[in-house]
Amino acid sequence: MPPAPSAAAGSCALSLGSRFLFGCRVTAAHRFAASPVQPPSPLHQQPHLQPCRQGRRWLRPEFRGVYKPRLSPEAMKEFWRLSGIGPDHSRAKVADQQAEVPPEIKRLYQEALPPIVSQDYRDPIVESLHRAEMMRRRRVINIPEFHVGSILAVSVMDKHAPNKVNRFVGLCILRRHTGLFTTFTLRNMVDQVCVQIEYELYSPSIVSIQLLKLERRLDDNLLYLMDAPHSHCTIPFDMVPEPYSRNDPVPVNRERVRLNPPPWMCKWHLHGYQGIDLEHLYSYLSDKDVAKAIEFSKAYKRYDLLDQYLNRVPVPDADYAFKDIFIQHQELLQHQQQQQ
């Protein structure tokens, strides 16, 4: 009979093999740590994970070996009390603000509202820091009031442009997100090609934002213009800005857009758009689709109070955010006067 392999030979054979742990190769140091010949040491208690070709997934925390202690609510409150930056201190400054926030402030800072998420995922300190950072950015660039349907001219830094600045004029068809992550999309025709560009409102690469025409539409977004004639989104690049007053109400464009014949990029008749000519739209649909669209418009979701509550910002949170913005807006005006 052949002799039984020794423990040292077994350990060497084990070290020469290749094993993978969640896409990472376990090194020989960890394999020798399991050998009875060499006792394990604290250095060899955890495997050395090396990236390899199969390592395309995130490892779980127990395999990463990185653990960060989590602060208890009592420790966080004690830190807020000693540092003076907690929500109680920031709310005390806003509570002293007794003046009512003017409506033009709410229109100018639409993105100041907190995100519509559960209270478990919100942090009042982070939201206040975001608002402070927004106002610091507004000290560098003038961001005018605009809505979905307004015409803007945005200049951004571009190293490939002749003068290192690229200017684009377009119709605002979408405005998303809140705070520092607010984005808006412009659409225009360039050389008989439809171009859509999404900008970050507080991006440091934006040089200037010029308002050419202030108006709003009947819908929160104008994505259906992708299936509409090009004349609805054709704007000359040399358009002259139209004057407006902040005290006047925002004009509303009640135009009903006629879409092109199908196929469409989306079933627009099922989304309740008011800016679409429904009579012209129904002419392209069958009787079954028209009945389905009419039934969908009378769905229970229009009367679902819980759904409306979950998709709206609570009134106390909105009032607090606008009061905080109003205080910082006054400081911004004082800064602009000092610069002049």
C-alpha atoms as a PDB file:
ATOM      1  CA  MET A   1       0.000   0.000   0.000  1.00  0.00           C
ATOM      2  CA  PRO A   2       1.259   3.491  -0.748  1.00  0.00           C
ATOM      3  CA  PRO A   3       2.301   5.483   2.321  1.00  0.00           C
ATOM      4  CA  ALA A   4      -0.202   7.961   3.749  1.00  0.00           C
ATOM      5  CA  PRO A   5       0.612  11.580   3.000  1.00  0.00           C
ATOM      6  CA  SER A   6       2.060  13.537   5.855  1.00  0.00           C
ATOM      7  CA  ALA A   7       0.519  16.712   7.352  1.00  0.00           C
ATOM      8  CA  ALA A   8       3.197  18.916   5.787  1.00  0.00           C
ATOM      9  CA  ALA A   9       2.575  17.425   2.365  1.00  0.00           C
ATOM     10  CA  GLY A  10      -1.145  17.949   2.821  1.00  0.00           C
ATOM     11  CA  SER A  11      -0.632  21.564   3.746  1.00  0.00           C
ATOM     12  CA  CYS A  12       1.569  22.156   0.724  1.00  0.00           C
ATOM     13  CA  ALA A  13      -0.980  20.524  -1.537  1.00  0.00           C
ATOM     14  CA  LEU A  14      -3.640  22.726  -0.025  1.00  0.00           C
ATOM     15  CA  SER A  15      -1.554  25.838  -0.516  1.00  0.00           C
ATOM     16  CA  LEU A  16      -0.975  25.110  -4.191  1.00  0.00           C
ATOM     17  CA  GLY A  17      -4.693  24.884  -4.913  1.00  0.00           C
ATOM     18  CA  SER A  18      -6.767  27.905  -5.857  1.00  0.00           C
ATOM     19  CA  ARG A  19      -9.991  28.610  -4.042  1.00  0.00           C
ATOM     20  CA  PHE A  20     -12.341  31.545  -4.539  1.00  0.00           C
ATOM     21  CA  LEU A  21     -14.457  33.220  -1.919  1.00  0.00           C
ATOM     22  CA  PHE A  22     -17.200  35.401  -3.439  1.00  0.00           C
ATOM     23  CA  GLY A  23     -15.067  36.243  -6.440  1.00  0.00           C
ATOM     24  CA  CYS A  24     -11.808  36.823  -4.499  1.00  0.00           C
ATOM     25  CA  ARG A  25      -8.831  34.469  -4.220  1.00  0.00           C
ATOM     26  CA  VAL A  26      -7.774  33.302  -0.752  1.00  0.00           C
ATOM     27  CA  THR A  27      -4.010  33.682  -0.398  1.00  0.00           C
ATOM     28  CA  ALA A  28      -1.595  31.007   0.718  1.00  0.00           C
ATOM     29  CA  ALA A  29      -1.123  32.675   4.112  1.00  0.00           C
ATOM     30  CA  HIS A  30      -4.698  31.875   5.056  1.00  0.00           C
ATOM     31  CA  ARG A  31      -4.413  28.311   3.757  1.00  0.00           C
ATOM     32  CA  PHE A  32      -1.335  27.658   5.858  1.00  0.00           C
ATOM     33  CA  ALA A  33      -3.167  29.118   8.850  1.00  0.00           C
ATOM     34  CA  ALA A  34      -5.570  26.149   8.752  1.00  0.00           C
ATOM     35  CA  SER A  35      -2.721  23.640   8.680  1.00  0.00           C
ATOM     36  CA  PRO A  36      -1.994  21.709  11.900  1.00  0.00           C
ATOM     37  CA  VAL A  37       1.748  22.025  11.250  1.00  0.00           C
ATOM     38  CA  GLN A  38       1.855  25.822  11.628  1.00  0.00           C
ATOM     39  CA  PRO A  39      -0.355  27.219  14.453  1.00  0.00           C
ATOM     40  CA  PRO A  40      -2.584  30.128  13.447  1.00  0.00           C
ATOM     41  CA  SER A  41      -1.517  33.593  14.518  1.00  0.00           C
ATOM     42  CA  PRO A  42      -3.615  36.787  14.825  1.00  0.00           C
ATOM     43  CA  LEU A  43      -2.185  37.932  11.499  1.00  0.00           C
ATOM     44  CA  HIS A  44      -3.589  34.867   9.769  1.00  0.00           C
ATOM     45  CA  GLN A  45      -6.996  34.778  11.394  1.00  0.00           C
ATOM     46  CA  GLN A  46      -8.652  36.757   8.573  1.00  0.00           C
ATOM     47  CA  PRO A  47      -8.195  35.869   4.895  1.00  0.00           C
ATOM     48  CA  HIS A  48      -6.346  38.221   2.590  1.00  0.00           C
ATOM     49  CA  LEU A  49      -8.798  38.961  -0.189  1.00  0.00           C
ATOM     50  CA  GLN A  50      -7.271  39.781  -3.543  1.00  0.00           C
ATOM     51  CA  PRO A  51      -9.205  41.105  -6.564  1.00  0.00           C
ATOM     52  CA  CYS A  52      -9.377  38.703  -9.454  1.00  0.00           C
ATOM     53  CA  ARG A  53     -11.211  38.320 -12.709  1.00  0.00           C
ATOM     54  CA  GLN A  54     -14.288  36.822 -11.042  1.00  0.00           C
ATOM     55  CA  GLY A  55     -14.492  39.532  -8.351  1.00  0.00           C
ATOM     56  CA  ARG A  56     -17.381  41.566  -9.696  1.00  0.00           C
ATOM     57  CA  ARG A  57     -19.708  41.474  -6.691  1.00  0.00           C
ATOM     58  CA  TRP A  58     -19.650  43.287  -3.372  1.00  0.00           C
ATOM     59  CA  LEU A  59     -18.523  41.201  -0.434  1.00  0.00           C
ATOM     60  CA  ARG A  60     -20.676  40.983   2.638  1.00  0.00           C
ATOM     61  CA  PRO A  61     -19.415  42.833   5.757  1.00  0.00           C
ATOM     62  CA  GLU A  62     -18.370  39.604   7.461  1.00  0.00           C
ATOM     63  CA  PHE A  63     -15.967  38.923   4.572  1.00  0.00           C
ATOM     64  CA  ARG A  64     -14.697  42.485   4.252  1.00  0.00           C
ATOM     65  CA  GLY A  65     -13.604  42.650   7.869  1.00  0.00           C
ATOM     66  CA  VAL A  66     -14.526  46.357   8.162  1.00  0.00           C
ATOM     67  CA  TYR A  67     -16.878  47.236  10.980  1.00  0.00           C
ATOM     68  CA  LYS A  68     -17.794  50.772  11.988  1.00  0.00           C
ATOM     69  CA  PRO A  69     -19.450  51.287  15.358  1.00  0.00           C
ATOM     70  CA  ARG A  70     -22.854  52.869  15.130  1.00  0.00           C
ATOM     71  CA  LEU A  71     -23.620  55.868  17.347  1.00  0.00           C
ATOM     72  CA  SER A  72     -26.525  55.512  19.694  1.00  0.00           C
ATOM     73  CA  PRO A  73     -29.261  58.183  19.755  1.00  0.00           C
ATOM     74  CA  GLU A  74     -28.079  59.280  23.217  1.00  0.00           C
ATOM     75  CA  ALA A  75     -24.504  59.789  21.991  1.00  0.00           C
ATOM     76  CA  MET A  76     -25.737  61.747  18.956  1.00  0.00           C
ATOM     77  CA  LYS A  77     -27.878  64.029  21.131  1.00  0.00           C
ATOM     78  CA  GLU A  78     -24.921  64.650  23.427  1.00  0.00           C
ATOM     79  CA  PHE A  79     -22.777  65.544  20.418  1.00  0.00           C
ATOM     80  CA  TRP A  80     -25.424  67.977  19.174  1.00  0.00           C
ATOM     81  CA  ARG A  81     -25.634  69.583  22.620  1.00  0.00           C
ATOM     82  CA  LEU A  82     -21.871  70.087  22.921  1.00  0.00           C
ATOM     83  CA  SER A  83     -21.267  71.214  19.339  1.00  0.00           C
ATOM     84  CA  GLY A  84     -24.317  73.453  19.004  1.00  0.00           C
ATOM     85  CA  ILE A  85     -25.153  72.279  15.473  1.00  0.00           C
ATOM     86  CA  GLY A  86     -28.048  69.973  16.262  1.00  0.00           C
ATOM     87  CA  PRO A  87     -31.575  70.329  14.878  1.00  0.00           C
ATOM     88  CA  ASP A  88     -32.757  72.012  18.082  1.00  0.00           C
ATOM     89  CA  HIS A  89     -30.240  74.858  17.685  1.00  0.00           C
ATOM     90  CA  SER A  90     -30.970  75.333  13.966  1.00  0.00           C
ATOM     91  CA  ARG A  91     -34.721  75.280  14.554  1.00  0.00           C
ATOM     92  CA  ALA A  92     -34.397  77.918  17.292  1.00  0.00           C
ATOM     93  CA  LYS A  93     -33.068  80.406  14.734  1.00  0.00           C
ATOM     94  CA  VAL A  94     -35.881  79.666  12.319  1.00  0.00           C
ATOM     95  CA  ALA A  95     -38.506  79.798  15.082  1.00  0.00           C
ATOM     96  CA  ASP A  96     -37.555  83.432  15.750  1.00  0.00           C
ATOM     97  CA  GLN A  97     -38.563  84.226  12.164  1.00  0.00           C
ATOM     98  CA  GLN A  98     -42.109  85.539  12.579  1.00  0.00           C
ATOM     99  CA  ALA A  99     -42.492  87.211   9.184  1.00  0.00           C
ATOM    100  CA  GLU A 100     -44.487  85.299   6.574  1.00  0.00           C
ATOM    101  CA  VAL A 101     -42.531  83.962   3.644  1.00  0.00           C
ATOM    102  CA  PRO A 102     -43.533  85.855   0.461  1.00  0.00           C
ATOM    103  CA  PRO A 103     -44.875  83.741  -2.422  1.00  0.00           C
ATOM    104  CA  GLU A 104     -42.092  84.807  -4.793  1.00  0.00           C
ATOM    105  CA  ILE A 105     -39.569  83.085  -2.491  1.00  0.00           C
ATOM    106  CA  LYS A 106     -41.478  79.812  -2.808  1.00  0.00           C
ATOM    107  CA  ARG A 107     -41.440  80.140  -6.591  1.00  0.00           C
ATOM    108  CA  LEU A 108     -37.746  81.060  -6.729  1.00  0.00           C
ATOM    109  CA  TYR A 109     -36.624  78.197  -4.465  1.00  0.00           C
ATOM    110  CA  GLN A 110     -38.837  75.331  -5.606  1.00  0.00           C
ATOM    111  CA  GLU A 111     -36.036  72.838  -4.967  1.00  0.00           C
ATOM    112  CA  ALA A 112     -35.768  73.837  -1.282  1.00  0.00           C
ATOM    113  CA  LEU A 113     -38.501  71.393  -0.292  1.00  0.00           C
ATOM    114  CA  PRO A 114     -37.240  68.246   1.462  1.00  0.00           C
ATOM    115  CA  PRO A 115     -37.409  64.957  -0.458  1.00  0.00           C
ATOM    116  CA  ILE A 116     -40.607  62.940  -0.338  1.00  0.00           C
ATOM    117  CA  VAL A 117     -39.294  59.952   1.580  1.00  0.00           C
ATOM    118  CA  SER A 118     -39.968  58.351   4.920  1.00  0.00           C
ATOM    119  CA  GLN A 119     -38.818  60.103   8.072  1.00  0.00           C
ATOM    120  CA  ASP A 120     -36.509  57.157   8.768  1.00  0.00           C
ATOM    121  CA  TYR A 121     -34.358  58.122   5.767  1.00  0.00           C
ATOM    122  CA  ARG A 122     -34.183  61.864   6.434  1.00  0.00           C
ATOM    123  CA  ASP A 123     -31.682  63.851   8.481  1.00  0.00           C
ATOM    124  CA  PRO A 124     -32.505  67.478   9.411  1.00  0.00           C
ATOM    125  CA  ILE A 125     -28.814  68.358   9.697  1.00  0.00           C
ATOM    126  CA  VAL A 126     -28.021  67.094   6.202  1.00  0.00           C
ATOM    127  CA  GLU A 127     -31.000  68.968   4.756  1.00  0.00           C
ATOM    128  CA  SER A 128     -29.959  72.225   6.444  1.00  0.00           C
ATOM    129  CA  LEU A 129     -26.388  71.772   5.180  1.00  0.00           C
ATOM    130  CA  HIS A 130     -27.716  71.225   1.658  1.00  0.00           C
ATOM    131  CA  ARG A 131     -29.727  74.440   1.838  1.00  0.00           C
ATOM    132  CA  ALA A 132     -26.698  76.338   3.089  1.00  0.00           C
ATOM    133  CA  GLU A 133     -24.601  74.949   0.231  1.00  0.00           C
ATOM    134  CA  MET A 134     -27.323  75.943  -2.254  1.00  0.00           C
ATOM    135  CA  MET A 135     -27.186  79.544  -1.041  1.00  0.00           C
ATOM    136  CA  ARG A 136     -23.379  79.581  -1.254  1.00  0.00           C
ATOM    137  CA  ARG A 137     -23.636  78.501  -4.865  1.00  0.00           C
ATOM    138  CA  ARG A 138     -26.158  81.267  -5.558  1.00  0.00           C
ATOM    139  CA  ARG A 139     -23.588  83.799  -4.401  1.00  0.00           C
ATOM    140  CA  VAL A 140     -21.478  82.826  -7.404  1.00  0.00           C
ATOM    141  CA  ILE A 141     -24.168  82.366 -10.073  1.00  0.00           C
ATOM    142  CA  ASN A 142     -27.560  83.983 -10.559  1.00  0.00           C
ATOM    143  CA  ILE A 143     -30.271  81.306 -10.877  1.00  0.00           C
ATOM    144  CA  PRO A 144     -33.545  82.874 -12.071  1.00  0.00           C
ATOM    145  CA  GLU A 145     -37.058  81.614 -11.476  1.00  0.00           C
ATOM    146  CA  PHE A 146     -38.222  79.178 -14.138  1.00  0.00           C
ATOM    147  CA  HIS A 147     -40.816  76.463 -14.519  1.00  0.00           C
ATOM    148  CA  VAL A 148     -41.552  73.587 -16.864  1.00  0.00           C
ATOM    149  CA  GLY A 149     -42.390  75.372 -20.126  1.00  0.00           C
ATOM    150  CA  SER A 150     -39.934  78.266 -19.714  1.00  0.00           C
ATOM    151  CA  ILE A 151     -37.213  78.967 -22.258  1.00  0.00           C
ATOM    152  CA  LEU A 152     -33.644  79.099 -20.926  1.00  0.00           C
ATOM    153  CA  ALA A 153     -30.132  79.684 -22.204  1.00  0.00           C
ATOM    154  CA  VAL A 154     -27.483  77.752 -20.257  1.00  0.00           C
ATOM    155  CA  SER A 155     -23.738  78.265 -20.621  1.00  0.00           C
ATOM    156  CA  VAL A 156     -21.437  75.530 -19.326  1.00  0.00           C
ATOM    157  CA  MET A 157     -17.673  75.079 -19.344  1.00  0.00           C
ATOM    158  CA  ASP A 158     -16.494  72.942 -22.246  1.00  0.00           C
ATOM    159  CA  LYS A 159     -12.804  72.371 -22.926  1.00  0.00           C
ATOM    160  CA  HIS A 160     -13.574  71.398 -26.544  1.00  0.00           C
ATOM    161  CA  ALA A 161     -15.387  74.670 -27.355  1.00  0.00           C
ATOM    162  CA  PRO A 162     -13.427  77.485 -29.032  1.00  0.00           C
ATOM    163  CA  ASN A 163     -13.932  79.889 -26.117  1.00  0.00           C
ATOM    164  CA  LYS A 164     -14.143  77.074 -23.512  1.00  0.00           C
ATOM    165  CA  VAL A 165     -17.870  77.852 -22.992  1.00  0.00           C
ATOM    166  CA  ASN A 166     -20.790  76.077 -24.647  1.00  0.00           C
ATOM    167  CA  ARG A 167     -24.192  77.809 -24.793  1.00  0.00           C
ATOM    168  CA  PHE A 168     -27.432  75.928 -25.362  1.00  0.00           C
ATOM    169  CA  VAL A 169     -30.952  77.333 -25.697  1.00  0.00           C
ATOM    170  CA  GLY A 170     -33.981  75.143 -25.160  1.00  0.00           C
ATOM    171  CA  LEU A 171     -37.418  74.591 -23.711  1.00  0.00           C
ATOM    172  CA  CYS A 172     -37.522  73.213 -20.170  1.00  0.00           C
ATOM    173  CA  ILE A 173     -39.502  69.973 -20.406  1.00  0.00           C
ATOM    174  CA  LEU A 174     -38.587  68.339 -17.095  1.00  0.00           C
ATOM    175  CA  ARG A 175     -37.494  69.304 -13.610  1.00  0.00           C
ATOM    176  CA  ARG A 176     -36.602  66.567 -11.125  1.00  0.00           C
ATOM    177  CA  HIS A 177     -35.246  65.940  -7.621  1.00  0.00           C
ATOM    178  CA  THR A 178     -34.736  68.440  -4.790  1.00  0.00           C
ATOM    179  CA  GLY A 179     -31.919  70.266  -3.051  1.00  0.00           C
ATOM    180  CA  LEU A 180     -28.416  70.021  -4.444  1.00  0.00           C
ATOM    181  CA  PHE A 181     -29.468  67.152  -6.712  1.00  0.00           C
ATOM    182  CA  THR A 182     -32.034  69.179  -8.692  1.00  0.00           C
ATOM    183  CA  THR A 183     -31.833  68.653 -12.443  1.00  0.00           C
ATOM    184  CA  PHE A 184     -33.641  70.180 -15.409  1.00  0.00           C
ATOM    185  CA  THR A 185     -33.826  69.133 -19.055  1.00  0.00           C
ATOM    186  CA  LEU A 186     -33.812  71.418 -22.090  1.00  0.00           C
ATOM    187  CA  ARG A 187     -35.002  70.419 -25.570  1.00  0.00           C
ATOM    188  CA  ASN A 188     -34.420  72.135 -28.903  1.00  0.00           C
ATOM    189  CA  MET A 189     -33.861  71.461 -32.593  1.00  0.00           C
ATOM    190  CA  VAL A 190     -30.233  71.686 -33.777  1.00  0.00           C
ATOM    191  CA  ASP A 191     -29.602  71.122 -37.495  1.00  0.00           C
ATOM    192  CA  GLN A 192     -32.922  69.278 -37.891  1.00  0.00           C
ATOM    193  CA  VAL A 193     -32.046  66.977 -34.982  1.00  0.00           C
ATOM    194  CA  CYS A 194     -33.838  67.013 -31.618  1.00  0.00           C
ATOM    195  CA  VAL A 195     -31.372  67.508 -28.778  1.00  0.00           C
ATOM    196  CA  GLN A 196     -32.138  67.052 -25.076  1.00  0.00           C
ATOM    197  CA  ILE A 197     -29.597  68.016 -22.427  1.00  0.00           C
ATOM    198  CA  GLU A 198     -30.022  67.432 -18.710  1.00  0.00           C
ATOM    199  CA  TYR A 199     -28.214  69.870 -16.420  1.00  0.00           C
ATOM    200  CA  GLU A 200     -27.594  69.819 -12.698  1.00  0.00           C
ATOM    201  CA  LEU A 201     -28.929  73.088 -11.319  1.00  0.00           C
ATOM    202  CA  TYR A 202     -26.121  73.543  -8.779  1.00  0.00           C
ATOM    203  CA  SER A 203     -23.312  72.088 -10.855  1.00  0.00           C
ATOM    204  CA  PRO A 204     -20.049  74.089 -10.629  1.00  0.00           C
ATOM    205  CA  SER A 205     -19.539  73.666 -14.383  1.00  0.00           C
ATOM    206  CA  ILE A 206     -22.497  75.967 -15.164  1.00  0.00           C
ATOM    207  CA  VAL A 207     -21.311  79.481 -15.997  1.00  0.00           C
ATOM    208  CA  SER A 208     -24.671  81.240 -16.359  1.00  0.00           C
ATOM    209  CA  ILE A 209     -28.398  80.567 -16.623  1.00  0.00           C
ATOM    210  CA  GLN A 210     -30.390  83.163 -18.577  1.00  0.00           C
ATOM    211  CA  LEU A 211     -34.179  83.234 -18.602  1.00  0.00           C
ATOM    212  CA  LEU A 212     -35.489  84.100 -22.072  1.00  0.00           C
ATOM    213  CA  LYS A 213     -39.224  83.553 -21.500  1.00  0.00           C
ATOM    214  CA  LEU A 214     -41.049  82.853 -18.247  1.00  0.00           C
ATOM    215  CA  GLU A 215     -44.165  80.722 -18.492  1.00  0.00           C
ATOM    216  CA  ARG A 216     -45.534  77.424 -17.287  1.00  0.00           C
ATOM    217  CA  ARG A 217     -47.622  74.629 -18.814  1.00  0.00           C
ATOM    218  CA  LEU A 218     -50.580  72.594 -17.649  1.00  0.00           C
ATOM    219  CA  ASP A 219     -48.446  69.540 -16.821  1.00  0.00           C
ATOM    220  CA  ASP A 220     -45.491  68.867 -14.547  1.00  0.00           C
ATOM    221  CA  ASN A 221     -43.425  67.581 -17.471  1.00  0.00           C
ATOM    222  CA  LEU A 222     -43.507  67.887 -21.253  1.00  0.00           C
ATOM    223  CA  LEU A 223     -42.037  64.530 -22.173  1.00  0.00           C
ATOM    224  CA  TYR A 224     -44.829  64.000 -24.697  1.00  0.00           C
ATOM    225  CA  LEU A 225     -43.130  66.579 -26.929  1.00  0.00           C
ATOM    226  CA  MET A 226     -40.827  63.733 -28.014  1.00  0.00           C
ATOM    227  CA  ASP A 227     -43.792  62.420 -30.051  1.00  0.00           C
ATOM    228  CA  ALA A 228     -45.042  65.860 -31.143  1.00  0.00           C
ATOM    229  CA  PRO A 229     -44.156  67.907 -34.240  1.00  0.00           C
ATOM    230  CA  HIS A 230     -40.775  69.596 -34.078  1.00  0.00           C
ATOM    231  CA  SER A 231     -42.343  73.037 -34.302  1.00  0.00           C
ATOM    232  CA  HIS A 232     -43.343  72.857 -30.630  1.00  0.00           C
ATOM    233  CA  CYS A 233     -39.718  72.717 -29.475  1.00  0.00           C
ATOM    234  CA  THR A 234     -37.894  74.743 -32.123  1.00  0.00           C
ATOM    235  CA  ILE A 235     -36.350  77.844 -30.546  1.00  0.00           C
ATOM    236  CA  PRO A 236     -33.844  80.199 -32.220  1.00  0.00           C
ATOM    237  CA  PHE A 237     -30.508  80.532 -30.469  1.00  0.00           C
ATOM    238  CA  ASP A 238     -30.557  84.319 -30.896  1.00  0.00           C
ATOM    239  CA  MET A 239     -33.878  84.766 -29.103  1.00  0.00           C
ATOM    240  CA  VAL A 240     -34.249  88.095 -27.284  1.00  0.00           C
ATOM    241  CA  PRO A 241     -35.180  87.804 -23.581  1.00  0.00           C
ATOM    242  CA  GLU A 242     -38.701  88.905 -22.696  1.00  0.00           C
ATOM    243  CA  PRO A 243     -38.978  91.194 -19.635  1.00  0.00           C
ATOM    244  CA  TYR A 244     -41.009  90.045 -16.638  1.00  0.00           C
ATOM    245  CA  SER A 245     -41.792  91.176 -13.103  1.00  0.00           C
ATOM    246  CA  ARG A 246     -41.407  88.981 -10.031  1.00  0.00           C
ATOM    247  CA  ASN A 247     -44.522  90.473  -8.455  1.00  0.00           C
ATOM    248  CA  ASP A 248     -46.756  89.432 -11.357  1.00  0.00           C
ATOM    249  CA  PRO A 249     -48.206  85.904 -11.502  1.00  0.00           C
ATOM    250  CA  VAL A 250     -46.508  83.416 -13.796  1.00  0.00           C
ATOM    251  CA  PRO A 251     -48.308  83.251 -17.174  1.00  0.00           C
ATOM    252  CA  VAL A 252     -49.779  79.850 -18.034  1.00  0.00           C
ATOM    253  CA  ASN A 253     -49.617  78.495 -21.575  1.00  0.00           C
ATOM    254  CA  ARG A 254     -52.800  76.466 -22.123  1.00  0.00           C
ATOM    255  CA  GLU A 255     -51.830  75.157 -25.548  1.00  0.00           C
ATOM    256  CA  ARG A 256     -53.060  71.651 -26.437  1.00  0.00           C
ATOM    257  CA  VAL A 257     -50.435  69.730 -28.379  1.00  0.00           C
ATOM    258  CA  ARG A 258     -51.373  67.350 -31.190  1.00  0.00           C
ATOM    259  CA  LEU A 259     -49.149  64.292 -31.258  1.00  0.00           C
ATOM    260  CA  ASN A 260     -47.791  62.540 -34.304  1.00  0.00           C
ATOM    261  CA  PRO A 261     -49.345  59.247 -35.458  1.00  0.00           C
ATOM    262  CA  PRO A 262     -48.246  56.154 -33.495  1.00  0.00           C
ATOM    263  CA  PRO A 263     -46.031  54.365 -32.630  1.00  0.00           C
ATOM    264  CA  TRP A 264     -45.270  56.485 -29.572  1.00  0.00           C
ATOM    265  CA  MET A 265     -42.546  56.239 -26.986  1.00  0.00           C
ATOM    266  CA  CYS A 266     -45.138  55.907 -24.215  1.00  0.00           C
ATOM    267  CA  LYS A 267     -48.879  55.401 -23.775  1.00  0.00           C
ATOM    268  CA  TRP A 268     -49.548  59.080 -23.197  1.00  0.00           C
ATOM    269  CA  HIS A 269     -53.312  58.590 -23.010  1.00  0.00           C
ATOM    270  CA  LEU A 270     -52.920  56.643 -19.749  1.00  0.00           C
ATOM    271  CA  HIS A 271     -51.001  59.300 -17.792  1.00  0.00           C
ATOM    272  CA  GLY A 272     -53.593  62.047 -17.498  1.00  0.00           C
ATOM    273  CA  TYR A 273     -51.766  64.781 -19.411  1.00  0.00           C
ATOM    274  CA  GLN A 274     -53.792  67.966 -19.790  1.00  0.00           C
ATOM    275  CA  GLY A 275     -51.555  69.544 -22.426  1.00  0.00           C
ATOM    276  CA  ILE A 276     -52.422  66.915 -25.064  1.00  0.00           C
ATOM    277  CA  ASP A 277     -55.328  67.250 -27.476  1.00  0.00           C
ATOM    278  CA  LEU A 278     -57.236  64.138 -26.397  1.00  0.00           C
ATOM    279  CA  GLU A 279     -59.813  64.275 -29.187  1.00  0.00           C
ATOM    280  CA  HIS A 280     -57.044  64.166 -31.765  1.00  0.00           C
ATOM    281  CA  LEU A 281     -55.209  61.526 -29.744  1.00  0.00           C
ATOM    282  CA  TYR A 282     -58.265  59.242 -29.515  1.00  0.00           C
ATOM    283  CA  SER A 283     -58.588  59.289 -33.294  1.00  0.00           C
ATOM    284  CA  TYR A 284     -55.463  57.085 -33.473  1.00  0.00           C
ATOM    285  CA  LEU A 285     -56.771  54.561 -30.911  1.00  0.00           C
ATOM    286  CA  SER A 286     -59.247  51.738 -31.152  1.00  0.00           C
ATOM    287  CA  ASP A 287     -62.546  51.750 -29.280  1.00  0.00           C
ATOM    288  CA  LYS A 288     -61.108  49.328 -26.723  1.00  0.00           C
ATOM    289  CA  ASP A 289     -58.115  51.576 -26.005  1.00  0.00           C
ATOM    290  CA  VAL A 290     -60.333  54.658 -25.723  1.00  0.00           C
ATOM    291  CA  ALA A 291     -62.601  52.901 -23.233  1.00  0.00           C
ATOM    292  CA  LYS A 292     -59.543  51.809 -21.249  1.00  0.00           C
ATOM    293  CA  ALA A 293     -58.178  55.375 -21.192  1.00  0.00           C
ATOM    294  CA  ILE A 294     -61.511  56.772 -19.976  1.00  0.00           C
ATOM    295  CA  GLU A 295     -61.757  54.093 -17.291  1.00  0.00           C
ATOM    296  CA  PHE A 296     -58.161  54.751 -16.209  1.00  0.00           C
ATOM    297  CA  SER A 297     -58.886  58.469 -15.846  1.00  0.00           C
ATOM    298  CA  LYS A 298     -61.610  57.630 -13.325  1.00  0.00           C
ATOM    299  CA  ALA A 299     -59.398  55.350 -11.264  1.00  0.00           C
ATOM    300  CA  TYR A 300     -59.544  55.308  -7.510  1.00  0.00           C
ATOM    301  CA  LYS A 301     -56.030  56.749  -7.231  1.00  0.00           C
ATOM    302  CA  ARG A 302     -57.396  60.231  -7.797  1.00  0.00           C
ATOM    303  CA  TYR A 303     -59.315  59.918  -4.524  1.00  0.00           C
ATOM    304  CA  ASP A 304     -56.730  57.976  -2.544  1.00  0.00           C
ATOM    305  CA  LEU A 305     -55.955  60.260   0.405  1.00  0.00           C
ATOM    306  CA  LEU A 306     -53.181  58.018   1.717  1.00  0.00           C
ATOM    307  CA  ASP A 307     -51.407  58.090  -1.645  1.00  0.00           C
ATOM    308  CA  GLN A 308     -51.673  61.880  -1.742  1.00  0.00           C
ATOM    309  CA  TYR A 309     -50.290  62.093   1.797  1.00  0.00           C
ATOM    310  CA  LEU A 310     -47.296  59.882   0.970  1.00  0.00           C
ATOM    311  CA  ASN A 311     -46.488  61.852  -2.200  1.00  0.00           C
ATOM    312  CA  ARG A 312     -46.602  65.318  -0.629  1.00  0.00           C
ATOM    313  CA  VAL A 313     -44.236  67.126   1.692  1.00  0.00           C
ATOM    314  CA  PRO A 314     -45.723  67.676   5.171  1.00  0.00           C
ATOM    315  CA  VAL A 315     -46.790  71.281   5.731  1.00  0.00           C
ATOM    316  CA  PRO A 316     -44.637  71.847   8.883  1.00  0.00           C
ATOM    317  CA  ASP A 317     -41.520  70.592   7.079  1.00  0.00           C
ATOM    318  CA  ALA A 318     -42.233  72.771   4.052  1.00  0.00           C
ATOM    319  CA  ASP A 319     -42.789  75.855   6.237  1.00  0.00           C
ATOM    320  CA  TYR A 320     -39.569  75.244   8.131  1.00  0.00           C
ATOM    321  CA  ALA A 321     -37.569  74.800   4.907  1.00  0.00           C
ATOM    322  CA  PHE A 322     -38.930  78.000   3.352  1.00  0.00           C
ATOM    323  CA  LYS A 323     -38.337  79.995   6.549  1.00  0.00           C
ATOM    324  CA  ASP A 324     -34.752  78.797   6.611  1.00  0.00           C
ATOM    325  CA  ILE A 325     -34.338  79.708   2.942  1.00  0.00           C
ATOM    326  CA  PHE A 326     -35.941  83.125   3.500  1.00  0.00           C
ATOM    327  CA  ILE A 327     -33.389  83.938   6.233  1.00  0.00           C
ATOM    328  CA  GLN A 328     -30.513  82.916   3.989  1.00  0.00           C
ATOM    329  CA  HIS A 329     -32.058  84.786   1.056  1.00  0.00           C
ATOM    330  CA  GLN A 330     -31.912  88.017   3.065  1.00  0.00           C
ATOM    331  CA  GLU A 331     -28.264  87.319   3.831  1.00  0.00           C
ATOM    332  CA  LEU A 332     -27.696  86.721   0.104  1.00  0.00           C
ATOM    333  CA  LEU A 333     -29.191  90.132  -0.733  1.00  0.00           C
ATOM    334  CA  GLN A 334     -26.930  91.787   1.826  1.00  0.00           C
ATOM    335  CA  HIS A 335     -23.921  90.029   0.316  1.00  0.00           C
ATOM    336  CA  GLN A 336     -24.863  91.226  -3.184  1.00  0.00           C
ATOM    337  CA  GLN A 337     -25.210  94.809  -1.944  1.00  0.00           C
ATOM    338  CA  GLN A 338     -21.783  94.650  -0.324  1.00  0.00           C
ATOM    339  CA  GLN A 339     -20.276  93.339  -3.558  1.00  0.00           C
ATOM    340  CA  GLN A 340     -21.751  96.244  -5.490  1.00  0.00           C
END
